[in-house]
């Protein structure tokens, strides 16, 4: 019991990398809004996985994967591998099933952010970064 009580009182310093992902998603959402995208939802989560940002670019529904890293090696884009693309496709199809037929045009974008400590983020936006995997 003493260890349990001590764990409630003792706090470790926060990991500075913990906030990097949410900061990157906030920066990506602001960047997309500045381009004229309308953010529909963020962190759309299902039992199949999560999509960071769902937005509208004109009439097109855009499923956005945001990858934020403190360094550019490996690049954030490289982290959106085949397995991740397949998972995003499944979640997007589930989201699109709400619309019935016909479904709106849709695409997958990747926003890659390199944000070294103490510096400004570098944002790279890849429209139509990949096609649905099935």
C-alpha atoms as a PDB file:
ATOM      1  CA  UNK A   1       0.000   0.000   0.000  1.00  0.00           C
ATOM      2  CA  UNK A   2       2.873   2.363   0.751  1.00  0.00           C
ATOM      3  CA  UNK A   3       4.175   2.092  -2.846  1.00  0.00           C
ATOM      4  CA  UNK A   4       0.718   2.838  -4.222  1.00  0.00           C
ATOM      5  CA  UNK A   5       0.387   5.929  -2.015  1.00  0.00           C
ATOM      6  CA  UNK A   6       3.908   7.028  -2.877  1.00  0.00           C
ATOM      7  CA  UNK A   7       3.127   6.698  -6.600  1.00  0.00           C
ATOM      8  CA  UNK A   8       0.290   9.209  -6.156  1.00  0.00           C
ATOM      9  CA  UNK A   9       2.589  11.739  -4.518  1.00  0.00           C
ATOM     10  CA  UNK A  10       5.762  11.235  -6.551  1.00  0.00           C
ATOM     11  CA  UNK A  11       5.725  12.808  -9.979  1.00  0.00           C
ATOM     12  CA  UNK A  12       8.336  12.354 -12.642  1.00  0.00           C
ATOM     13  CA  UNK A  13       9.191  15.264 -14.871  1.00  0.00           C
ATOM     14  CA  UNK A  14       7.095  15.235 -18.061  1.00  0.00           C
ATOM     15  CA  UNK A  15       8.682  13.803 -21.174  1.00  0.00           C
ATOM     16  CA  UNK A  16       9.193  16.767 -23.532  1.00  0.00           C
ATOM     17  CA  UNK A  17       8.322  14.519 -26.497  1.00  0.00           C
ATOM     18  CA  UNK A  18       4.836  13.781 -25.111  1.00  0.00           C
ATOM     19  CA  UNK A  19       3.480  17.089 -26.348  1.00  0.00           C
ATOM     20  CA  UNK A  20       5.093  16.883 -29.797  1.00  0.00           C
ATOM     21  CA  UNK A  21       2.281  14.875 -31.428  1.00  0.00           C
ATOM     22  CA  UNK A  22      -0.582  17.094 -30.240  1.00  0.00           C
ATOM     23  CA  UNK A  23       1.424  20.244 -31.046  1.00  0.00           C
ATOM     24  CA  UNK A  24       2.005  18.911 -34.537  1.00  0.00           C
ATOM     25  CA  UNK A  25      -1.683  18.137 -35.036  1.00  0.00           C
ATOM     26  CA  UNK A  26      -2.601  21.657 -33.885  1.00  0.00           C
ATOM     27  CA  UNK A  27      -0.052  23.167 -36.279  1.00  0.00           C
ATOM     28  CA  UNK A  28      -1.349  20.988 -39.133  1.00  0.00           C
ATOM     29  CA  UNK A  29      -4.967  21.990 -38.474  1.00  0.00           C
ATOM     30  CA  UNK A  30      -4.019  25.687 -38.447  1.00  0.00           C
ATOM     31  CA  UNK A  31      -1.973  25.237 -41.640  1.00  0.00           C
ATOM     32  CA  UNK A  32      -4.893  23.519 -43.415  1.00  0.00           C
ATOM     33  CA  UNK A  33      -7.383  26.168 -42.252  1.00  0.00           C
ATOM     34  CA  UNK A  34      -5.070  28.853 -43.658  1.00  0.00           C
ATOM     35  CA  UNK A  35      -5.210  27.011 -47.007  1.00  0.00           C
ATOM     36  CA  UNK A  36      -9.007  27.216 -46.921  1.00  0.00           C
ATOM     37  CA  UNK A  37      -9.775  23.702 -45.693  1.00  0.00           C
ATOM     38  CA  UNK A  38     -12.753  23.348 -43.368  1.00  0.00           C
ATOM     39  CA  UNK A  39     -11.918  21.044 -40.466  1.00  0.00           C
ATOM     40  CA  UNK A  40     -14.806  18.652 -39.857  1.00  0.00           C
ATOM     41  CA  UNK A  41     -13.361  16.602 -37.029  1.00  0.00           C
ATOM     42  CA  UNK A  42     -10.085  15.772 -35.367  1.00  0.00           C
ATOM     43  CA  UNK A  43      -8.937  12.468 -33.911  1.00  0.00           C
ATOM     44  CA  UNK A  44     -11.788  10.438 -35.415  1.00  0.00           C
ATOM     45  CA  UNK A  45     -11.367   7.205 -33.478  1.00  0.00           C
ATOM     46  CA  UNK A  46     -12.942   3.802 -34.095  1.00  0.00           C
ATOM     47  CA  UNK A  47     -12.151   0.228 -33.159  1.00  0.00           C
ATOM     48  CA  UNK A  48     -10.314   0.032 -36.511  1.00  0.00           C
ATOM     49  CA  UNK A  49      -8.000   2.960 -35.789  1.00  0.00           C
ATOM     50  CA  UNK A  50      -7.856   6.744 -35.882  1.00  0.00           C
ATOM     51  CA  UNK A  51      -7.671   9.494 -38.472  1.00  0.00           C
ATOM     52  CA  UNK A  52      -5.965  12.660 -37.226  1.00  0.00           C
ATOM     53  CA  UNK A  53      -7.952  15.214 -39.237  1.00  0.00           C
ATOM     54  CA  UNK A  54     -10.968  14.973 -41.512  1.00  0.00           C
ATOM     55  CA  UNK A  55     -11.518  18.128 -43.544  1.00  0.00           C
ATOM     56  CA  UNK A  56     -13.190  19.508 -46.642  1.00  0.00           C
ATOM     57  CA  UNK A  57     -11.185  20.989 -49.491  1.00  0.00           C
ATOM     58  CA  UNK A  58     -13.964  22.379 -51.653  1.00  0.00           C
ATOM     59  CA  UNK A  59     -16.241  19.409 -52.336  1.00  0.00           C
ATOM     60  CA  UNK A  60     -13.550  16.839 -51.573  1.00  0.00           C
ATOM     61  CA  UNK A  61     -13.432  15.049 -48.242  1.00  0.00           C
ATOM     62  CA  UNK A  62      -9.810  14.851 -47.083  1.00  0.00           C
ATOM     63  CA  UNK A  63      -8.472  12.288 -44.613  1.00  0.00           C
ATOM     64  CA  UNK A  64      -5.258  13.707 -43.178  1.00  0.00           C
ATOM     65  CA  UNK A  65      -2.526  11.757 -41.425  1.00  0.00           C
ATOM     66  CA  UNK A  66      -0.212  14.021 -39.420  1.00  0.00           C
ATOM     67  CA  UNK A  67       3.286  12.812 -38.570  1.00  0.00           C
ATOM     68  CA  UNK A  68       5.426  15.007 -36.343  1.00  0.00           C
ATOM     69  CA  UNK A  69       9.052  14.302 -35.528  1.00  0.00           C
ATOM     70  CA  UNK A  70      11.792  16.272 -33.815  1.00  0.00           C
ATOM     71  CA  UNK A  71      14.285  15.175 -36.498  1.00  0.00           C
ATOM     72  CA  UNK A  72      14.002  14.475 -40.199  1.00  0.00           C
ATOM     73  CA  UNK A  73      15.667  11.044 -40.139  1.00  0.00           C
ATOM     74  CA  UNK A  74      13.704   8.967 -40.832  1.00  0.00           C
ATOM     75  CA  UNK A  75      11.353  11.397 -42.481  1.00  0.00           C
ATOM     76  CA  UNK A  76       7.842  11.661 -41.074  1.00  0.00           C
ATOM     77  CA  UNK A  77       6.484  10.667 -44.492  1.00  0.00           C
ATOM     78  CA  UNK A  78       8.328   7.333 -44.268  1.00  0.00           C
ATOM     79  CA  UNK A  79       6.294   6.525 -41.162  1.00  0.00           C
ATOM     80  CA  UNK A  80       3.114   6.312 -43.253  1.00  0.00           C
ATOM     81  CA  UNK A  81       3.929   2.795 -44.379  1.00  0.00           C
ATOM     82  CA  UNK A  82       1.746   0.197 -46.099  1.00  0.00           C
ATOM     83  CA  UNK A  83       0.193  -1.033 -42.835  1.00  0.00           C
ATOM     84  CA  UNK A  84      -0.683   2.541 -41.789  1.00  0.00           C
ATOM     85  CA  UNK A  85      -2.162   3.307 -45.219  1.00  0.00           C
ATOM     86  CA  UNK A  86      -4.293   0.157 -45.007  1.00  0.00           C
ATOM     87  CA  UNK A  87      -5.544   1.103 -41.519  1.00  0.00           C
ATOM     88  CA  UNK A  88      -6.373   4.651 -42.648  1.00  0.00           C
ATOM     89  CA  UNK A  89      -8.258   3.253 -45.645  1.00  0.00           C
ATOM     90  CA  UNK A  90     -10.402   1.033 -43.403  1.00  0.00           C
ATOM     91  CA  UNK A  91     -11.285   3.899 -41.069  1.00  0.00           C
ATOM     92  CA  UNK A  92     -12.002   6.235 -43.999  1.00  0.00           C
ATOM     93  CA  UNK A  93     -14.330   3.683 -45.603  1.00  0.00           C
ATOM     94  CA  UNK A  94     -16.176   3.362 -42.305  1.00  0.00           C
ATOM     95  CA  UNK A  95     -16.504   7.164 -42.121  1.00  0.00           C
ATOM     96  CA  UNK A  96     -17.678   7.375 -45.750  1.00  0.00           C
ATOM     97  CA  UNK A  97     -20.327   4.720 -45.135  1.00  0.00           C
ATOM     98  CA  UNK A  98     -22.293   7.420 -43.273  1.00  0.00           C
ATOM     99  CA  UNK A  99     -22.909   9.223 -46.542  1.00  0.00           C
ATOM    100  CA  UNK A 100     -24.708   6.473 -48.431  1.00  0.00           C
ATOM    101  CA  UNK A 101     -24.575   6.568 -52.220  1.00  0.00           C
ATOM    102  CA  UNK A 102     -23.179   8.498 -53.955  1.00  0.00           C
ATOM    103  CA  UNK A 103     -20.263   9.216 -51.673  1.00  0.00           C
ATOM    104  CA  UNK A 104     -18.370  12.511 -51.919  1.00  0.00           C
ATOM    105  CA  UNK A 105     -14.985  12.520 -53.625  1.00  0.00           C
ATOM    106  CA  UNK A 106     -12.255  11.763 -51.120  1.00  0.00           C
ATOM    107  CA  UNK A 107      -8.485  11.647 -50.883  1.00  0.00           C
ATOM    108  CA  UNK A 108      -5.687  10.958 -48.410  1.00  0.00           C
ATOM    109  CA  UNK A 109      -3.209  13.707 -47.526  1.00  0.00           C
ATOM    110  CA  UNK A 110      -0.143  13.511 -45.323  1.00  0.00           C
ATOM    111  CA  UNK A 111       1.125  16.481 -43.344  1.00  0.00           C
ATOM    112  CA  UNK A 112       4.716  15.886 -42.261  1.00  0.00           C
ATOM    113  CA  UNK A 113       6.111  18.178 -39.586  1.00  0.00           C
ATOM    114  CA  UNK A 114       9.713  18.375 -38.445  1.00  0.00           C
ATOM    115  CA  UNK A 115       9.847  20.361 -35.212  1.00  0.00           C
ATOM    116  CA  UNK A 116      13.263  20.442 -33.548  1.00  0.00           C
ATOM    117  CA  UNK A 117      13.295  21.649 -29.933  1.00  0.00           C
ATOM    118  CA  UNK A 118      13.449  25.426 -29.682  1.00  0.00           C
ATOM    119  CA  UNK A 119      12.870  25.993 -33.404  1.00  0.00           C
ATOM    120  CA  UNK A 120       9.947  26.675 -35.713  1.00  0.00           C
ATOM    121  CA  UNK A 121       8.245  23.686 -37.352  1.00  0.00           C
ATOM    122  CA  UNK A 122       8.829  22.793 -40.987  1.00  0.00           C
ATOM    123  CA  UNK A 123       5.555  21.674 -42.551  1.00  0.00           C
ATOM    124  CA  UNK A 124       5.356  19.560 -45.704  1.00  0.00           C
ATOM    125  CA  UNK A 125       1.884  18.889 -47.107  1.00  0.00           C
ATOM    126  CA  UNK A 126       1.408  16.026 -49.552  1.00  0.00           C
ATOM    127  CA  UNK A 127      -1.969  16.129 -51.275  1.00  0.00           C
ATOM    128  CA  UNK A 128      -3.240  12.791 -52.595  1.00  0.00           C
ATOM    129  CA  UNK A 129      -0.301  11.150 -50.826  1.00  0.00           C
ATOM    130  CA  UNK A 130      -1.645   7.648 -51.471  1.00  0.00           C
ATOM    131  CA  UNK A 131      -4.618   5.776 -52.872  1.00  0.00           C
ATOM    132  CA  UNK A 132      -7.027   3.633 -50.871  1.00  0.00           C
ATOM    133  CA  UNK A 133      -5.542   0.189 -50.337  1.00  0.00           C
ATOM    134  CA  UNK A 134      -8.730  -1.710 -51.265  1.00  0.00           C
END
